[in-house]
N, C-alpha and C. Protein backbone atom coordinates (compact mmCIF):
# COMPACT_ATOMS: atom_id res chain seq x y z
N MET A 1 0.94 -1.31 0.14
CA MET A 1 0.22 0.24 -0.23
C MET A 1 0.54 1.20 0.32
N PRO A 2 0.44 2.00 -0.87
CA PRO A 2 1.21 3.59 -1.12
C PRO A 2 1.22 4.24 0.78
N SER A 3 2.55 4.82 0.88
CA SER A 3 2.22 5.80 1.74
C SER A 3 2.31 6.99 1.60
N SER A 4 1.26 8.12 2.63
CA SER A 4 1.53 9.20 2.29
C SER A 4 2.77 10.01 1.87
N ALA A 5 4.05 9.17 2.65
CA ALA A 5 5.42 10.27 1.78
C ALA A 5 5.61 9.70 0.59
N ALA A 6 5.10 8.98 -0.08
CA ALA A 6 5.53 8.52 -1.51
C ALA A 6 5.00 9.65 -2.04
N PHE A 7 3.58 9.57 -2.24
CA PHE A 7 2.60 10.26 -2.75
C PHE A 7 2.29 11.33 -1.54
N PRO A 8 2.32 12.48 -1.89
CA PRO A 8 1.93 13.17 -0.78
C PRO A 8 1.03 14.59 -1.15
N GLU A 9 0.94 14.69 -2.15
CA GLU A 9 0.55 15.72 -3.27
C GLU A 9 -1.27 14.86 -3.58
N LEU A 10 -0.96 13.10 -4.15
CA LEU A 10 -2.40 12.33 -4.11
C LEU A 10 -3.32 12.42 -2.84
N PHE A 11 -2.40 12.29 -1.66
CA PHE A 11 -2.83 11.99 -1.30
C PHE A 11 -4.18 13.24 -0.35
N ALA A 12 -3.23 14.14 -0.43
CA ALA A 12 -3.58 15.88 0.15
C ALA A 12 -4.89 16.23 -0.74
N HIS A 13 -4.80 15.61 -1.80
CA HIS A 13 -6.08 15.73 -3.17
C HIS A 13 -7.03 14.45 -2.25
N ALA A 14 -6.82 13.81 -2.21
CA ALA A 14 -7.61 12.41 -1.74
C ALA A 14 -8.36 13.11 -0.19
N LEU A 15 -7.91 13.62 0.64
CA LEU A 15 -8.18 13.87 1.59
C LEU A 15 -9.28 14.92 1.45
N ARG A 16 -8.76 15.92 0.39
CA ARG A 16 -9.73 17.20 0.15
C ARG A 16 -10.45 17.03 -0.53
N LEU A 17 -11.03 16.09 -1.62
CA LEU A 17 -12.38 15.39 -1.78
C LEU A 17 -13.10 14.79 -1.22
N ARG A 18 -12.08 13.91 0.05
CA ARG A 18 -13.07 13.17 0.47
C ARG A 18 -13.73 14.41 1.85
N ARG A 19 -12.94 15.32 2.38
CA ARG A 19 -13.69 16.01 3.49
C ARG A 19 -14.70 16.79 2.51
N ASP A 20 -15.05 17.09 1.17
CA ASP A 20 -15.34 18.10 0.64
C ASP A 20 -17.06 16.52 0.90
N LEU A 21 -16.56 15.73 0.22
CA LEU A 21 -17.77 14.81 -0.09
C LEU A 21 -18.31 14.29 1.09
N ALA A 22 -18.00 14.49 2.39
CA ALA A 22 -18.53 14.62 3.89
C ALA A 22 -19.29 15.40 3.92
N ALA A 23 -18.95 16.72 3.35
CA ALA A 23 -19.63 17.90 3.51
C ALA A 23 -21.17 18.32 3.58
N ARG A 24 -21.05 17.37 1.99
CA ARG A 24 -22.22 17.60 1.04
C ARG A 24 -22.30 16.56 0.21
N SER A 25 -22.71 15.40 0.80
CA SER A 25 -22.23 14.22 -0.10
C SER A 25 -23.16 13.86 -1.09
N HIS A 26 -24.53 14.62 -0.81
CA HIS A 26 -25.40 14.73 -1.34
C HIS A 26 -25.90 15.92 -2.48
N SER A 27 -25.49 16.71 -2.26
CA SER A 27 -25.21 17.27 -3.56
C SER A 27 -23.77 18.07 -3.93
N PHE A 28 -22.96 16.67 -3.78
CA PHE A 28 -21.20 17.16 -4.16
C PHE A 28 -21.65 17.30 -6.18
N GLU A 29 -20.89 18.56 -6.46
CA GLU A 29 -20.10 18.91 -7.77
C GLU A 29 -18.99 18.96 -7.78
N ILE A 30 -18.35 18.01 -9.01
CA ILE A 30 -16.77 18.17 -8.79
C ILE A 30 -16.54 19.39 -9.49
N SER A 31 -15.19 20.10 -9.30
CA SER A 31 -14.73 21.15 -9.88
C SER A 31 -14.37 20.57 -11.64
N ALA A 32 -14.60 22.05 -12.32
CA ALA A 32 -14.10 21.35 -13.26
C ALA A 32 -12.35 20.75 -13.65
N ARG A 33 -11.72 21.30 -12.63
CA ARG A 33 -10.51 21.60 -12.35
C ARG A 33 -10.06 20.00 -11.76
N ASP A 34 -11.21 19.28 -10.83
CA ASP A 34 -10.87 18.48 -10.37
C ASP A 34 -11.15 16.90 -11.14
N ALA A 35 -12.47 17.57 -12.61
CA ALA A 35 -12.66 16.38 -13.15
C ALA A 35 -11.83 16.47 -14.57
N ALA A 36 -11.15 17.50 -14.62
CA ALA A 36 -9.62 17.10 -15.56
C ALA A 36 -8.96 16.08 -14.99
N ARG A 37 -8.87 16.30 -13.57
CA ARG A 37 -7.20 15.84 -12.72
C ARG A 37 -7.89 14.42 -12.60
N VAL A 38 -9.05 14.05 -12.54
CA VAL A 38 -9.25 12.48 -12.61
C VAL A 38 -9.53 11.61 -14.24
N GLU A 39 -9.44 12.66 -14.68
CA GLU A 39 -9.56 12.26 -16.73
C GLU A 39 -8.35 12.01 -17.19
N ARG A 40 -6.99 12.58 -15.84
CA ARG A 40 -5.28 12.45 -16.35
C ARG A 40 -5.08 11.72 -15.13
N ALA A 41 -5.92 10.70 -14.33
CA ALA A 41 -5.17 10.07 -13.60
C ALA A 41 -4.90 8.63 -13.81
N GLN A 42 -4.11 7.71 -12.63
CA GLN A 42 -3.39 6.59 -13.35
C GLN A 42 -4.45 5.47 -13.21
N LEU A 43 -5.38 5.87 -11.93
CA LEU A 43 -6.56 4.57 -11.56
C LEU A 43 -7.91 5.47 -10.91
N VAL A 44 -8.81 5.09 -11.03
CA VAL A 44 -9.92 5.86 -10.59
C VAL A 44 -10.21 4.75 -9.91
N ILE A 45 -10.67 5.40 -8.38
CA ILE A 45 -11.52 4.15 -7.88
C ILE A 45 -13.06 4.25 -7.39
N ALA A 46 -13.56 3.66 -7.61
CA ALA A 46 -15.57 4.03 -7.66
C ALA A 46 -16.36 2.82 -6.36
N ASN A 47 -16.97 3.71 -5.97
CA ASN A 47 -17.67 1.77 -5.42
C ASN A 47 -18.35 1.36 -6.42
N GLY A 48 -19.12 1.98 -7.29
CA GLY A 48 -19.49 0.98 -8.38
C GLY A 48 -21.09 0.71 -8.12
N LEU A 49 -21.54 1.08 -6.95
CA LEU A 49 -22.70 0.72 -6.70
C LEU A 49 -24.13 1.45 -7.30
N GLY A 50 -23.16 2.51 -8.18
CA GLY A 50 -24.35 3.58 -8.51
C GLY A 50 -24.83 4.90 -7.84
N LEU A 51 -23.67 4.89 -6.84
CA LEU A 51 -23.33 6.27 -6.01
C LEU A 51 -23.31 7.69 -6.00
N GLU A 52 -22.18 7.04 -6.81
CA GLU A 52 -21.01 8.39 -7.29
C GLU A 52 -22.08 9.83 -7.58
N GLY A 53 -22.98 9.55 -7.83
CA GLY A 53 -23.81 10.60 -8.41
C GLY A 53 -23.25 11.77 -9.32
N GLY A 54 -22.89 13.21 -8.44
CA GLY A 54 -21.96 14.16 -9.43
C GLY A 54 -21.01 13.71 -9.82
N ILE A 55 -20.61 12.90 -9.97
CA ILE A 55 -19.33 12.47 -10.61
C ILE A 55 -19.19 11.21 -11.62
N ALA A 56 -20.71 10.34 -11.67
CA ALA A 56 -20.48 9.67 -12.48
C ALA A 56 -19.85 10.02 -13.77
N ASN A 57 -20.58 11.28 -14.44
CA ASN A 57 -19.67 11.65 -15.81
C ASN A 57 -18.48 11.60 -15.89
N THR A 58 -17.50 12.12 -15.02
CA THR A 58 -16.14 12.34 -14.55
C THR A 58 -15.49 10.72 -14.91
N VAL A 59 -16.55 9.86 -14.24
CA VAL A 59 -15.90 8.48 -14.20
C VAL A 59 -15.84 8.08 -15.52
N ALA A 60 -16.99 8.10 -16.14
CA ALA A 60 -17.28 7.65 -17.32
C ALA A 60 -16.13 8.62 -18.31
N GLY A 61 -15.70 9.85 -17.93
CA GLY A 61 -15.14 10.24 -18.74
C GLY A 61 -13.48 10.05 -18.41
N ALA A 62 -13.40 9.46 -17.77
CA ALA A 62 -12.29 9.21 -17.04
C ALA A 62 -12.08 7.78 -17.98
N ARG A 63 -12.89 6.52 -18.35
CA ARG A 63 -12.92 5.23 -18.46
C ARG A 63 -12.65 5.56 -20.28
N GLY A 64 -13.57 6.38 -20.39
CA GLY A 64 -13.40 6.56 -21.85
C GLY A 64 -11.95 7.19 -22.58
N ALA A 65 -11.24 8.19 -21.86
CA ALA A 65 -10.22 8.32 -22.05
C ALA A 65 -9.26 7.39 -21.49
N ALA A 66 -9.37 6.15 -21.13
CA ALA A 66 -8.56 4.73 -21.07
C ALA A 66 -7.74 4.95 -19.88
N VAL A 67 -8.68 5.49 -18.69
CA VAL A 67 -8.10 5.26 -17.37
C VAL A 67 -8.93 4.53 -16.37
N PRO A 68 -8.06 2.88 -15.91
CA PRO A 68 -8.33 1.81 -15.36
C PRO A 68 -9.74 2.55 -14.40
N VAL A 69 -10.29 2.16 -13.75
CA VAL A 69 -11.45 2.26 -12.67
C VAL A 69 -11.58 1.44 -12.04
N LEU A 70 -11.37 0.96 -11.63
CA LEU A 70 -11.46 -0.09 -10.44
C LEU A 70 -13.00 0.46 -9.24
N GLU A 71 -13.78 -0.52 -9.48
CA GLU A 71 -15.15 -0.40 -8.97
C GLU A 71 -15.55 -1.53 -8.29
N ILE A 72 -15.34 -1.00 -6.43
CA ILE A 72 -15.15 -2.04 -6.05
C ILE A 72 -16.25 -2.97 -5.89
N ALA A 73 -17.58 -2.06 -5.73
CA ALA A 73 -18.96 -3.41 -5.56
C ALA A 73 -18.99 -4.78 -5.64
N PRO A 74 -18.52 -5.21 -7.32
CA PRO A 74 -18.15 -6.35 -7.35
C PRO A 74 -17.61 -7.45 -6.20
N ALA A 75 -16.73 -6.27 -5.02
CA ALA A 75 -15.48 -7.48 -4.31
C ALA A 75 -16.12 -8.10 -2.93
N VAL A 76 -17.41 -6.20 -2.49
CA VAL A 76 -17.85 -7.03 -1.28
C VAL A 76 -19.48 -7.42 -1.83
N ARG A 77 -19.59 -7.15 -0.36
CA ARG A 77 -21.42 -7.60 -0.39
C ARG A 77 -21.86 -6.16 0.37
N PRO A 78 -23.08 -5.23 -0.07
CA PRO A 78 -23.31 -4.25 0.50
C PRO A 78 -23.53 -4.67 1.85
N LEU A 79 -24.24 -3.31 2.72
CA LEU A 79 -25.08 -3.89 3.82
C LEU A 79 -26.60 -3.93 3.31
């Protein structure tokens, strides 16, 4: 597992997105800047339950840009 020391910018960005999502999880809209970063990512991790809401189009755009998308739902049993 990568450490925050190895990828400080990635972890800082992930923590900012997590904080933003927690604060407004039902109305989150990804910024154009963050959407562009997702579409240039090396990997996108999505829950895969159709709960992505405001970022579903961004995840689809990343797929279209040949970014690997790992959906977690097929590997777990939702409650």
